[in-house]
Amino acid sequence: MSQLPNLIIHLIAHAGYVSVFILMTLESALLPIPSEVTMPFAGFLAQQGTLNFWLVVLIGALGNLFGSLIAYAIGFFLEESVVVSLIRKYGKFILVSEHEYVRTVHWFQKYGSPIAFFSRLLPAVRTFISLPAGLAEMNIWKFSIYSFAGAFLWSGVLTWMGYSLGAHWDSFEPLFKKFQYGIILLIVLGILWYINHKTSLIKFGKKS
């Protein structure tokens, strides 16, 4: 696993957008591929002019969506007992524990469809939230919209970090790991503030 970041960098440097799509697909298809390396490095290449910033963000989000649909299908077509059994046997290879799976299912049951969006901003959970969504037979169009929106935001933030840091893009990953929950909280609070601000403006406009 220690060589994984170097492999990711090599793939993106040589295959560009195709590698971004494949790596982000694998991350959302239950494989532990760190988007915290994939997207910031692609952002750095965008800053260098090798790739286009918004195309990187879009392709990263589309890759996440495609991988999520694969995981969704696994959950949709398999019985929960089979999924849990597979996690017990092979979860250690994809860094997923039964406890994390049960917690994710609980969140999905508690918060419903929107968790498909917010889970894209949560470490570990973002990788396998699609399984319980498939098991619950969540409407696939809602799932796709929520997943793509969350993935687009996540890809945008990580790509922007790499773009802003330039040659020092790799300094983002250790900082992110150390302060990831704080960073994610700020992102979520920013989204909620934006939604509340827009809602207030609409209400004010109607009263006027």
Protein backbone atom coordinates (compact mmCIF):
# COMPACT_ATOMS: atom_id res chain seq x y z
CA MET A 1 0.00 0.00 0.00
CA SER A 2 2.96 2.32 0.63
CA GLN A 3 3.72 2.29 -3.11
CA LEU A 4 0.14 3.12 -4.06
CA PRO A 5 0.55 6.93 -4.14
CA ASN A 6 3.54 6.57 -6.47
CA LEU A 7 1.56 4.25 -8.73
CA ILE A 8 -1.34 6.73 -8.82
CA ILE A 9 1.01 9.59 -9.74
CA HIS A 10 2.63 7.49 -12.47
CA LEU A 11 -0.73 6.49 -13.98
CA ILE A 12 -2.13 10.03 -14.03
CA ALA A 13 1.10 11.50 -15.40
CA HIS A 14 1.00 9.06 -18.32
CA ALA A 15 -2.72 8.56 -18.99
CA GLY A 16 -4.27 11.79 -17.67
CA TYR A 17 -8.05 11.90 -17.69
CA VAL A 18 -8.46 8.17 -18.32
CA SER A 19 -6.47 7.36 -15.18
CA VAL A 20 -8.45 9.89 -13.11
CA PHE A 21 -11.71 8.24 -14.22
CA ILE A 22 -10.49 4.69 -13.54
CA LEU A 23 -8.97 5.52 -10.14
CA MET A 24 -12.06 7.40 -8.95
CA THR A 25 -14.26 4.57 -10.22
CA LEU A 26 -12.25 2.02 -8.24
CA GLU A 27 -12.44 4.19 -5.12
CA SER A 28 -16.24 4.20 -5.22
CA ALA A 29 -16.39 0.52 -6.18
CA LEU A 30 -15.19 -0.56 -2.71
CA LEU A 31 -11.44 -0.42 -3.37
CA PRO A 32 -9.15 1.68 -1.11
CA ILE A 33 -7.79 4.07 -3.75
CA PRO A 34 -7.12 7.44 -2.04
CA SER A 35 -8.84 10.28 -3.88
CA GLU A 36 -6.76 12.51 -1.58
CA VAL A 37 -3.84 11.64 -3.87
CA THR A 38 -5.62 11.25 -7.21
CA MET A 39 -7.44 14.58 -7.37
CA PRO A 40 -4.82 16.93 -5.83
CA PHE A 41 -2.15 15.56 -8.21
CA ALA A 42 -4.52 16.03 -11.15
CA GLY A 43 -5.14 19.55 -9.83
CA PHE A 44 -1.41 20.18 -9.85
CA LEU A 45 -1.24 19.03 -13.48
CA ALA A 46 -4.12 21.41 -14.25
CA GLN A 47 -2.13 24.24 -12.67
CA GLN A 48 0.78 23.28 -14.93
CA GLY A 49 -1.50 23.43 -17.97
CA THR A 50 -1.27 19.71 -18.71
CA LEU A 51 -4.92 19.06 -17.81
CA ASN A 52 -8.04 21.23 -17.68
CA PHE A 53 -9.24 22.03 -14.14
CA TRP A 54 -13.00 21.67 -14.69
CA LEU A 55 -12.60 18.63 -16.89
CA VAL A 56 -10.58 16.97 -14.13
CA VAL A 57 -13.34 17.74 -11.60
CA LEU A 58 -16.07 16.47 -13.93
CA ILE A 59 -14.25 13.26 -14.83
CA GLY A 60 -13.42 12.60 -11.17
CA ALA A 61 -17.09 12.99 -10.24
CA LEU A 62 -18.24 10.80 -13.13
CA GLY A 63 -15.75 8.13 -12.11
CA ASN A 64 -17.10 8.24 -8.56
CA LEU A 65 -20.65 7.96 -9.87
CA PHE A 66 -19.82 4.97 -12.09
CA GLY A 67 -18.05 3.19 -9.23
CA SER A 68 -20.95 3.96 -6.92
CA LEU A 69 -23.39 2.38 -9.37
CA ILE A 70 -21.26 -0.78 -9.39
CA ALA A 71 -21.37 -0.96 -5.59
CA TYR A 72 -25.08 -0.10 -5.65
CA ALA A 73 -25.70 -3.03 -8.02
CA ILE A 74 -23.83 -5.39 -5.68
CA GLY A 75 -26.04 -4.33 -2.80
CA PHE A 76 -29.18 -4.43 -4.96
CA PHE A 77 -28.70 -7.94 -6.30
CA LEU A 78 -27.20 -9.64 -3.21
CA GLU A 79 -28.88 -10.47 0.07
CA GLU A 80 -27.64 -8.50 3.10
CA SER A 81 -26.49 -11.70 4.79
CA VAL A 82 -24.27 -12.42 1.78
CA VAL A 83 -22.85 -8.87 1.80
CA VAL A 84 -22.05 -9.07 5.54
CA SER A 85 -20.46 -12.49 5.05
CA LEU A 86 -18.25 -11.15 2.26
CA ILE A 87 -17.21 -8.17 4.39
CA ARG A 88 -16.26 -10.52 7.24
CA LYS A 89 -14.10 -12.59 4.91
CA TYR A 90 -12.62 -10.00 2.59
CA GLY A 91 -13.25 -6.63 4.24
CA LYS A 92 -9.67 -6.38 5.49
CA PHE A 93 -8.44 -6.34 1.89
CA ILE A 94 -10.57 -3.30 1.02
CA LEU A 95 -10.22 -1.65 4.45
CA VAL A 96 -13.89 -2.13 5.34
CA SER A 97 -14.94 -3.60 8.68
CA GLU A 98 -18.30 -5.05 9.63
CA HIS A 99 -18.63 -2.34 12.28
CA GLU A 100 -18.15 0.41 9.69
CA TYR A 101 -20.69 -1.26 7.42
CA VAL A 102 -23.30 -1.52 10.20
CA ARG A 103 -22.70 2.12 11.14
CA THR A 104 -23.17 3.19 7.52
CA VAL A 105 -26.42 1.23 7.24
CA HIS A 106 -27.62 2.93 10.45
CA TRP A 107 -26.82 6.37 9.03
CA PHE A 108 -28.61 5.52 5.81
CA GLN A 109 -31.71 4.33 7.67
CA LYS A 110 -31.66 7.40 9.92
CA TYR A 111 -31.02 10.15 7.38
CA GLY A 112 -32.43 8.58 4.21
CA SER A 113 -31.56 9.59 0.66
CA PRO A 114 -29.51 12.77 1.46
CA ILE A 115 -26.84 10.61 3.12
CA ALA A 116 -25.88 9.54 -0.41
CA PHE A 117 -24.76 13.16 -0.88
CA PHE A 118 -23.15 13.90 2.48
CA SER A 119 -21.39 10.53 2.63
CA ARG A 120 -19.23 11.67 -0.28
CA LEU A 121 -17.55 14.05 2.16
CA LEU A 122 -16.90 11.46 4.88
CA PRO A 123 -13.72 9.36 5.12
CA ALA A 124 -14.17 5.59 4.72
CA VAL A 125 -17.97 5.88 4.55
CA ARG A 126 -17.79 7.48 1.10
CA THR A 127 -16.22 4.31 -0.27
CA PHE A 128 -19.05 1.91 0.55
CA ILE A 129 -22.22 3.95 1.24
CA SER A 130 -23.54 2.63 -2.08
CA LEU A 131 -23.89 -0.90 -0.68
CA PRO A 132 -26.68 -0.07 1.82
CA ALA A 133 -28.28 2.21 -0.79
CA GLY A 134 -28.51 -0.77 -3.12
CA LEU A 135 -29.73 -3.08 -0.35
CA ALA A 136 -32.45 -0.55 0.51
CA GLU A 137 -33.35 -0.36 -3.19
CA MET A 138 -33.10 3.42 -3.10
CA ASN A 139 -34.48 5.04 -6.25
CA ILE A 140 -31.54 4.82 -8.65
CA TRP A 141 -32.14 8.27 -10.15
CA LYS A 142 -32.16 9.93 -6.72
CA PHE A 143 -29.10 7.92 -5.77
CA SER A 144 -27.27 8.98 -8.94
CA ILE A 145 -28.13 12.68 -8.52
CA TYR A 146 -27.13 12.79 -4.84
CA SER A 147 -23.98 10.77 -5.47
CA PHE A 148 -22.86 12.87 -8.43
CA ALA A 149 -23.51 16.15 -6.58
CA GLY A 150 -21.49 15.03 -3.55
CA ALA A 151 -18.74 13.56 -5.72
CA PHE A 152 -18.52 16.74 -7.80
CA LEU A 153 -18.08 18.84 -4.65
CA TRP A 154 -15.49 16.44 -3.25
CA SER A 155 -13.57 16.29 -6.52
CA GLY A 156 -13.73 20.06 -6.85
CA VAL A 157 -12.32 20.72 -3.38
CA LEU A 158 -9.46 18.22 -3.76
CA THR A 159 -8.60 19.40 -7.27
CA TRP A 160 -8.62 23.02 -6.13
CA MET A 161 -6.27 22.12 -3.26
CA GLY A 162 -3.80 20.57 -5.67
CA TYR A 163 -4.18 23.48 -8.09
CA SER A 164 -3.57 26.03 -5.31
CA LEU A 165 -0.60 24.24 -3.75
CA GLY A 166 1.09 23.66 -7.09
CA ALA A 167 4.38 21.81 -6.78
CA HIS A 168 3.64 21.31 -3.07
CA TRP A 169 0.37 19.48 -3.79
CA ASP A 170 1.59 16.43 -1.87
CA SER A 171 1.73 18.43 1.37
CA PHE A 172 -2.07 18.35 1.35
CA GLU A 173 -2.51 14.62 2.06
CA PRO A 174 -0.78 14.44 5.48
CA LEU A 175 -2.52 17.66 6.56
CA PHE A 176 -5.83 16.31 5.34
CA LYS A 177 -5.39 13.05 7.27
CA LYS A 178 -4.58 14.99 10.42
CA PHE A 179 -7.44 17.48 10.18
CA GLN A 180 -9.85 15.62 7.87
CA TYR A 181 -12.89 15.81 10.14
CA GLY A 182 -12.36 19.52 10.73
CA ILE A 183 -11.97 20.15 7.01
CA ILE A 184 -15.08 18.12 6.23
CA LEU A 185 -17.05 19.92 8.95
CA LEU A 186 -16.12 23.26 7.40
CA ILE A 187 -17.23 22.03 3.97
CA VAL A 188 -20.58 20.81 5.32
CA LEU A 189 -21.14 24.01 7.32
CA GLY A 190 -20.35 26.02 4.21
CA ILE A 191 -22.92 24.07 2.21
CA LEU A 192 -25.57 24.49 4.91
CA TRP A 193 -24.84 28.24 5.17
CA TYR A 194 -25.13 28.59 1.40
CA ILE A 195 -28.44 26.70 1.29
CA ASN A 196 -29.82 28.73 4.23
CA HIS A 197 -28.61 31.99 2.66
CA LYS A 198 -30.27 31.19 -0.68
CA THR A 199 -33.48 30.08 1.04
CA SER A 200 -33.59 33.31 3.05
CA LEU A 201 -33.13 35.39 -0.09
CA ILE A 202 -35.97 33.53 -1.84
CA LYS A 203 -38.30 34.02 1.12
CA PHE A 204 -37.35 37.69 1.36
CA GLY A 205 -37.99 38.11 -2.37
CA LYS A 206 -41.45 36.55 -2.06
CA LYS A 207 -42.36 38.85 0.86
CA SER A 208 -41.22 41.86 -1.10
